[in-house]
Amino acid sequence: MTEQIFWAMGLALLISLIVGPFLIPLLRALKFGQSIRDDGPQRHLAKAGTPTIGGLIFLSGIVLAVLIVAERPYSPGLLILLGITLGFGLVGFLDDFLKVVRKHNLGLRAKQKLMAQFLLALILAWASAVFLGRGTIVGVPFTSLTLDLGIFYYPLVALVVVSATNAVNLTDGLDGLAAGCTAWAAVGYILIALLAGKAGILEAMAVNSGDLAIFAAALAGGCVGFLRFNIYPARVFMGDCGSLALGGALAGLAVLTKSELTLIILGGVYVLEALSVIIQVISFQTRGKRVFRMSPLHHHFELGGWKESKVVSVFWLAAAIFAALGVWSYSFMVL
């Protein structure tokens, strides 16, 4: 299994490295350039016109690597994981496409995007709980306790999935930030999938722990390969097509490994980014004052004088620490 995991990671990385040089010139020729927010950091205005929708690079690597390496590439569990990832990727692609056509930062309306996200989240919840036989039990991090939420499991999954996808989307604000953080989170899920298999957590489900580990490995490899083109100064942005797909992939792994609450710890960087936006909005609307120089959180450090590369490096380190902490919190359930 270890060999297959490394094969999946390496193959996804290689495919991303191959696809990138072909796709980026095509996106540039089609004038799929990113529009930059006027209210963001002024230095980012220089990035206007950089090709976007680059998430197609690592999505191709992830899908092909999983289909090639997995022993049962068309097993129900893997198909659900790939389906939820590509489903969120499609929502993001439509949003990106509308932004490119209109030449501004609107895209899909917020209500349209949220409706699509909640629909996909509920499909994931039903497919895993009923079709795969996962049930409605969730594990409590740092304990061996489990809770059977019954009907309340569905709104929990909807909240976790939609929050995860939008939090990753918020994190995608600096070159290489979201891809690097997600690579660490995916490595964490390789270990969680293996722990779940060892403990027999997936025995009642139509899911193989090795398949989940292979998917997580492909996710990590695809993100690392994408960094070749997305690290500062970025030659391409992943766009909502990529960030929503990454959030969907992590949320799918969380649901199938019964680690929905663990994702809050493992994805700590995403949580902090989302919280910074929520705190900023509430503070400004209630007190007329800002807590941060700018939100999401990475912009706060940028405006504090940090170089973009430094912000990204520190956040990557934090992502690695959160991933390790998440795996440790999950291990209480299975060891």
Protein backbone atom coordinates (compact mmCIF):
# COMPACT_ATOMS: atom_id res chain seq x y z
CA MET A 1 0.00 0.00 0.00
CA THR A 2 2.85 2.38 0.80
CA GLU A 3 4.18 1.91 -2.73
CA GLN A 4 0.79 2.72 -4.26
CA ILE A 5 0.49 5.85 -2.14
CA PHE A 6 3.83 7.14 -3.37
CA TRP A 7 2.93 6.18 -6.94
CA ALA A 8 -0.32 8.14 -6.74
CA MET A 9 1.42 11.16 -5.28
CA GLY A 10 4.24 11.06 -7.82
CA LEU A 11 1.96 10.45 -10.79
CA ALA A 12 -0.39 13.30 -9.88
CA LEU A 13 2.63 15.57 -9.48
CA LEU A 14 4.07 14.48 -12.85
CA ILE A 15 0.77 14.88 -14.72
CA SER A 16 0.35 18.37 -13.27
CA LEU A 17 3.87 19.28 -14.39
CA ILE A 18 3.08 18.03 -17.89
CA VAL A 19 -0.36 19.65 -18.21
CA GLY A 20 0.73 23.07 -16.91
CA PRO A 21 2.97 24.15 -19.83
CA PHE A 22 0.20 23.26 -22.30
CA LEU A 23 -2.74 24.74 -20.40
CA ILE A 24 -1.23 28.06 -19.28
CA PRO A 25 -0.51 29.37 -22.83
CA LEU A 26 -4.01 28.24 -23.86
CA LEU A 27 -5.60 30.17 -20.98
CA ARG A 28 -3.51 33.21 -21.90
CA ALA A 29 -4.54 32.93 -25.56
CA LEU A 30 -8.20 32.71 -24.54
CA LYS A 31 -7.64 35.83 -22.41
CA PHE A 32 -8.72 34.04 -19.25
CA GLY A 33 -6.98 36.64 -17.13
CA GLN A 34 -7.68 37.33 -13.47
CA SER A 35 -9.31 40.59 -12.42
CA ILE A 36 -7.93 42.02 -9.18
CA ARG A 37 -10.02 43.62 -6.41
CA ASP A 38 -9.58 47.37 -6.18
CA ASP A 39 -9.94 47.21 -2.38
CA GLY A 40 -7.16 44.64 -1.96
CA PRO A 41 -3.45 45.30 -1.36
CA GLN A 42 -2.21 47.71 -4.03
CA ARG A 43 0.78 45.54 -4.90
CA HIS A 44 -1.64 42.86 -6.13
CA LEU A 45 -2.83 45.10 -8.97
CA ALA A 46 0.31 44.08 -10.86
CA LYS A 47 -1.08 40.53 -10.99
CA ALA A 48 -4.04 41.58 -13.15
CA GLY A 49 -4.23 39.53 -16.33
CA THR A 50 -2.47 36.45 -14.90
CA PRO A 51 -4.26 33.38 -16.33
CA THR A 52 -6.83 31.83 -14.00
CA ILE A 53 -8.85 28.57 -13.91
CA GLY A 54 -5.49 26.86 -13.36
CA GLY A 55 -7.17 24.43 -10.98
CA LEU A 56 -7.68 22.29 -14.08
CA ILE A 57 -3.97 21.49 -13.87
CA PHE A 58 -4.05 19.64 -10.57
CA LEU A 59 -7.57 18.30 -11.09
CA SER A 60 -6.34 16.44 -14.16
CA GLY A 61 -3.43 15.07 -12.15
CA ILE A 62 -5.63 13.96 -9.26
CA VAL A 63 -8.27 12.24 -11.40
CA LEU A 64 -5.83 10.43 -13.69
CA ALA A 65 -3.55 9.33 -10.85
CA VAL A 66 -6.48 7.88 -8.90
CA LEU A 67 -7.90 6.06 -11.91
CA ILE A 68 -4.49 4.62 -12.82
CA VAL A 69 -3.12 3.67 -9.39
CA ALA A 70 -6.17 2.61 -7.37
CA GLU A 71 -6.91 -1.12 -7.36
CA ARG A 72 -10.64 -0.41 -7.60
CA PRO A 73 -10.82 2.98 -9.34
CA TYR A 74 -14.58 2.70 -9.85
CA SER A 75 -15.44 1.71 -6.28
CA PRO A 76 -18.37 3.64 -4.79
CA GLY A 77 -16.19 5.47 -2.28
CA LEU A 78 -13.72 6.74 -4.84
CA LEU A 79 -16.44 7.70 -7.28
CA ILE A 80 -18.15 9.77 -4.59
CA LEU A 81 -14.85 11.46 -3.70
CA LEU A 82 -14.06 12.23 -7.32
CA GLY A 83 -17.64 13.31 -7.97
CA ILE A 84 -17.78 15.75 -5.05
CA THR A 85 -14.37 17.18 -5.97
CA LEU A 86 -15.30 17.69 -9.60
CA GLY A 87 -18.77 18.92 -8.64
CA PHE A 88 -17.35 21.75 -6.57
CA GLY A 89 -14.76 22.30 -9.27
CA LEU A 90 -17.58 22.77 -11.80
CA VAL A 91 -19.31 25.35 -9.59
CA GLY A 92 -16.02 27.21 -9.33
CA PHE A 93 -15.40 26.90 -13.06
CA LEU A 94 -18.76 28.49 -13.86
CA ASP A 95 -17.98 31.29 -11.41
CA ASP A 96 -14.54 31.84 -12.95
CA PHE A 97 -15.88 31.72 -16.48
CA LEU A 98 -18.48 34.38 -15.75
CA LYS A 99 -15.84 36.56 -14.13
CA VAL A 100 -13.58 36.24 -17.18
CA VAL A 101 -16.40 36.96 -19.64
CA ARG A 102 -17.63 39.98 -17.67
CA LYS A 103 -14.09 41.18 -16.90
CA HIS A 104 -14.86 41.89 -13.26
CA ASN A 105 -15.08 40.08 -9.93
CA LEU A 106 -18.79 39.20 -9.80
CA GLY A 107 -19.22 35.75 -11.31
CA LEU A 108 -22.07 33.68 -9.89
CA ARG A 109 -24.34 35.42 -7.43
CA ALA A 110 -23.70 34.53 -3.81
CA LYS A 111 -27.10 32.85 -3.49
CA GLN A 112 -26.51 30.76 -6.61
CA LYS A 113 -23.11 29.62 -5.40
CA LEU A 114 -24.34 28.76 -1.90
CA MET A 115 -27.36 26.86 -3.23
CA ALA A 116 -25.11 24.74 -5.45
CA GLN A 117 -22.68 24.12 -2.59
CA PHE A 118 -25.38 23.09 -0.13
CA LEU A 119 -26.93 20.79 -2.73
CA LEU A 120 -23.59 19.05 -3.31
CA ALA A 121 -23.00 18.84 0.45
CA LEU A 122 -26.36 17.17 1.05
CA ILE A 123 -25.75 14.74 -1.81
CA LEU A 124 -22.42 13.82 -0.18
CA ALA A 125 -24.09 13.38 3.22
CA TRP A 126 -26.82 11.12 1.83
CA ALA A 127 -24.49 9.12 -0.42
CA SER A 128 -22.07 8.41 2.43
CA ALA A 129 -24.62 7.83 5.20
CA VAL A 130 -27.10 5.73 3.25
CA PHE A 131 -25.56 4.48 0.01
CA LEU A 132 -22.15 3.64 1.51
CA GLY A 133 -23.60 2.63 4.87
CA ARG A 134 -21.49 5.15 6.75
CA GLY A 135 -24.27 5.97 9.19
CA THR A 136 -24.62 9.22 11.11
CA ILE A 137 -21.88 8.76 13.72
CA VAL A 138 -19.15 11.37 14.13
CA GLY A 139 -16.01 11.12 16.21
CA VAL A 140 -14.99 13.66 18.85
CA PRO A 141 -11.34 14.79 18.44
CA PHE A 142 -8.87 13.96 21.25
CA THR A 143 -11.28 11.36 22.66
CA SER A 144 -12.56 7.91 21.83
CA LEU A 145 -16.13 9.20 22.04
CA THR A 146 -18.53 9.00 19.12
CA LEU A 147 -21.90 10.67 18.70
CA ASP A 148 -24.83 9.39 16.65
CA LEU A 149 -26.45 12.59 15.42
CA GLY A 150 -29.28 10.96 13.53
CA ILE A 151 -31.11 13.43 11.32
CA PHE A 152 -28.93 16.26 12.63
CA TYR A 153 -25.96 14.69 10.87
CA TYR A 154 -27.10 16.12 7.53
CA PRO A 155 -27.04 19.81 8.51
CA LEU A 156 -23.69 19.22 10.22
CA VAL A 157 -22.18 17.81 7.03
CA ALA A 158 -23.72 20.61 4.98
CA LEU A 159 -22.16 23.17 7.33
CA VAL A 160 -18.75 21.46 7.37
CA VAL A 161 -18.59 20.99 3.60
CA VAL A 162 -19.74 24.49 2.65
CA SER A 163 -17.53 26.06 5.32
CA ALA A 164 -14.50 24.06 4.17
CA THR A 165 -14.90 24.94 0.50
CA ASN A 166 -15.37 28.64 1.17
CA ALA A 167 -12.55 28.74 3.71
CA VAL A 168 -10.12 27.27 1.16
CA ASN A 169 -11.44 29.82 -1.32
CA LEU A 170 -10.65 32.64 1.13
CA THR A 171 -7.16 31.22 1.68
CA ASP A 172 -6.43 31.39 -2.04
CA GLY A 173 -5.29 34.99 -1.93
CA LEU A 174 -1.50 34.73 -2.24
CA ASP A 175 0.69 32.88 -4.72
CA GLY A 176 1.03 29.26 -3.61
CA LEU A 177 -0.81 29.72 -0.32
CA ALA A 178 -3.89 27.51 -0.81
CA ALA A 179 -2.06 24.82 -2.80
CA GLY A 180 0.71 24.49 -0.22
CA CYS A 181 -1.65 24.41 2.76
CA THR A 182 -3.85 21.83 1.05
CA ALA A 183 -0.84 19.63 0.28
CA TRP A 184 -0.13 19.42 4.01
CA ALA A 185 -3.78 18.78 4.84
CA ALA A 186 -3.84 15.98 2.23
CA VAL A 187 -0.75 14.37 3.78
CA GLY A 188 -2.62 14.43 7.07
CA TYR A 189 -5.52 12.62 5.44
CA ILE A 190 -3.24 9.92 4.06
CA LEU A 191 -2.39 9.05 7.66
CA ILE A 192 -5.99 9.40 8.86
CA ALA A 193 -7.23 7.06 6.12
CA LEU A 194 -4.63 4.46 7.09
CA LEU A 195 -5.51 4.82 10.78
CA ALA A 196 -9.20 4.40 9.98
CA GLY A 197 -8.46 1.23 8.03
CA LYS A 198 -6.28 -0.17 10.80
CA ALA A 199 -8.97 0.45 13.40
CA GLY A 200 -11.73 -1.06 11.27
CA ILE A 201 -13.74 2.17 11.19
CA LEU A 202 -14.56 1.62 7.52
CA GLU A 203 -15.49 -2.07 7.78
CA ALA A 204 -19.23 -1.46 7.57
CA MET A 205 -18.83 0.80 4.56
CA ALA A 206 -18.31 0.12 0.87
CA VAL A 207 -15.02 1.98 1.17
CA ASN A 208 -11.43 0.79 1.24
CA SER A 209 -9.02 2.77 3.42
CA GLY A 210 -6.30 2.25 0.82
CA ASP A 211 -8.47 3.94 -1.81
CA LEU A 212 -8.94 6.96 0.45
CA ALA A 213 -5.21 7.13 1.15
CA ILE A 214 -4.47 6.96 -2.59
CA PHE A 215 -6.93 9.78 -3.26
CA ALA A 216 -5.35 11.91 -0.52
CA ALA A 217 -1.89 11.15 -1.93
CA ALA A 218 -2.99 12.21 -5.41
CA LEU A 219 -4.46 15.38 -3.90
CA ALA A 220 -1.13 16.19 -2.24
CA GLY A 221 0.88 15.39 -5.37
CA GLY A 222 -1.37 17.45 -7.61
CA CYS A 223 -1.06 20.46 -5.32
CA VAL A 224 2.74 20.17 -5.18
CA GLY A 225 2.92 19.90 -8.97
CA PHE A 226 0.70 22.96 -9.31
CA LEU A 227 3.07 24.94 -7.11
CA ARG A 228 5.62 24.78 -9.94
CA PHE A 229 3.43 27.32 -11.75
CA ASN A 230 1.66 28.99 -8.82
CA ILE A 231 4.53 29.84 -6.47
CA TYR A 232 5.50 33.53 -6.33
CA PRO A 233 5.49 35.10 -8.86
CA ALA A 234 2.57 32.99 -10.06
CA ARG A 235 2.26 32.14 -13.74
CA VAL A 236 -1.31 30.95 -13.20
CA PHE A 237 -3.99 31.15 -10.50
CA MET A 238 -6.15 28.17 -9.52
CA GLY A 239 -9.33 30.30 -9.45
CA ASP A 240 -12.54 29.21 -7.76
CA CYS A 241 -12.40 26.17 -10.02
CA GLY A 242 -9.41 24.98 -8.02
CA SER A 243 -10.08 26.32 -4.54
CA LEU A 244 -13.66 25.02 -4.30
CA ALA A 245 -12.53 21.64 -5.65
CA LEU A 246 -9.78 21.42 -3.01
CA GLY A 247 -12.25 22.26 -0.26
CA GLY A 248 -14.68 19.66 -1.60
CA ALA A 249 -11.94 17.02 -1.72
CA LEU A 250 -10.91 17.63 1.91
CA ALA A 251 -14.53 17.68 3.07
CA GLY A 252 -15.21 14.43 1.22
CA LEU A 253 -12.24 12.77 2.92
CA ALA A 254 -13.47 14.06 6.28
CA VAL A 255 -16.95 12.61 5.78
CA LEU A 256 -15.77 9.19 4.61
CA THR A 257 -13.25 8.83 7.46
CA LYS A 258 -15.73 10.09 10.09
CA SER A 259 -13.42 12.99 10.87
CA GLU A 260 -15.74 15.93 10.17
CA LEU A 261 -14.87 17.60 13.48
CA THR A 262 -11.20 16.72 13.10
CA LEU A 263 -11.13 18.73 9.87
CA ILE A 264 -11.62 21.87 11.97
CA ILE A 265 -8.25 21.14 13.62
CA LEU A 266 -6.43 19.70 10.63
CA GLY A 267 -7.51 22.64 8.46
CA GLY A 268 -6.65 25.20 11.13
CA VAL A 269 -5.23 27.69 8.63
CA TYR A 270 -8.51 27.74 6.73
CA VAL A 271 -10.43 28.19 9.98
CA LEU A 272 -8.28 31.17 11.00
CA GLU A 273 -8.67 32.75 7.57
CA ALA A 274 -12.46 32.40 7.70
CA LEU A 275 -12.67 33.61 11.31
CA SER A 276 -10.64 36.70 10.46
CA VAL A 277 -13.24 37.67 7.86
CA ILE A 278 -16.15 37.01 10.22
CA ILE A 279 -14.52 38.96 13.07
CA GLN A 280 -13.65 41.84 10.75
CA VAL A 281 -17.19 42.14 9.41
CA ILE A 282 -18.85 41.90 12.82
CA SER A 283 -16.45 44.40 14.39
CA PHE A 284 -16.86 46.93 11.60
CA GLN A 285 -20.64 46.65 11.52
CA THR A 286 -21.07 46.85 15.31
CA ARG A 287 -18.20 49.15 16.37
CA GLY A 288 -17.18 50.82 13.14
CA LYS A 289 -13.62 49.60 13.75
CA ARG A 290 -11.43 46.97 12.09
CA VAL A 291 -9.61 44.32 14.11
CA PHE A 292 -7.23 43.45 11.28
CA ARG A 293 -5.49 45.74 8.81
CA MET A 294 -7.31 43.75 6.13
CA SER A 295 -8.97 40.36 5.97
CA PRO A 296 -8.55 37.49 5.22
CA LEU A 297 -5.72 37.05 7.71
CA HIS A 298 -2.90 36.74 5.17
CA HIS A 299 -3.55 40.32 4.01
CA HIS A 300 -3.16 41.53 7.60
CA PHE A 301 0.44 40.35 7.64
CA GLU A 302 1.06 41.67 4.12
CA LEU A 303 -0.01 45.15 5.12
CA GLY A 304 2.13 44.78 8.22
CA GLY A 305 5.22 44.75 6.01
CA TRP A 306 5.78 41.04 5.46
CA LYS A 307 6.83 39.94 2.00
CA GLU A 308 4.33 37.73 0.22
CA SER A 309 6.79 34.83 0.19
CA LYS A 310 7.27 35.13 3.97
CA VAL A 311 3.53 35.10 4.65
CA VAL A 312 3.13 31.99 2.51
CA SER A 313 6.07 30.19 4.15
CA VAL A 314 4.79 30.89 7.66
CA PHE A 315 1.28 29.78 6.75
CA TRP A 316 2.67 26.58 5.18
CA LEU A 317 4.48 25.84 8.44
CA ALA A 318 1.28 26.48 10.37
CA ALA A 319 -0.59 24.16 7.97
CA ALA A 320 1.95 21.39 8.61
CA ILE A 321 1.55 21.82 12.38
CA PHE A 322 -2.24 21.81 12.17
CA ALA A 323 -2.13 18.69 9.96
CA ALA A 324 0.01 16.87 12.54
CA LEU A 325 -2.28 18.05 15.34
CA GLY A 326 -5.32 16.85 13.40
CA VAL A 327 -3.86 13.38 12.88
CA TRP A 328 -2.97 13.21 16.58
CA SER A 329 -6.49 14.24 17.60
CA TYR A 330 -7.94 11.55 15.34
CA SER A 331 -5.61 8.86 16.68
CA PHE A 332 -7.46 8.94 20.04
CA MET A 333 -10.45 7.45 18.24
CA VAL A 334 -8.59 4.50 16.77
CA LEU A 335 -5.64 3.58 18.98
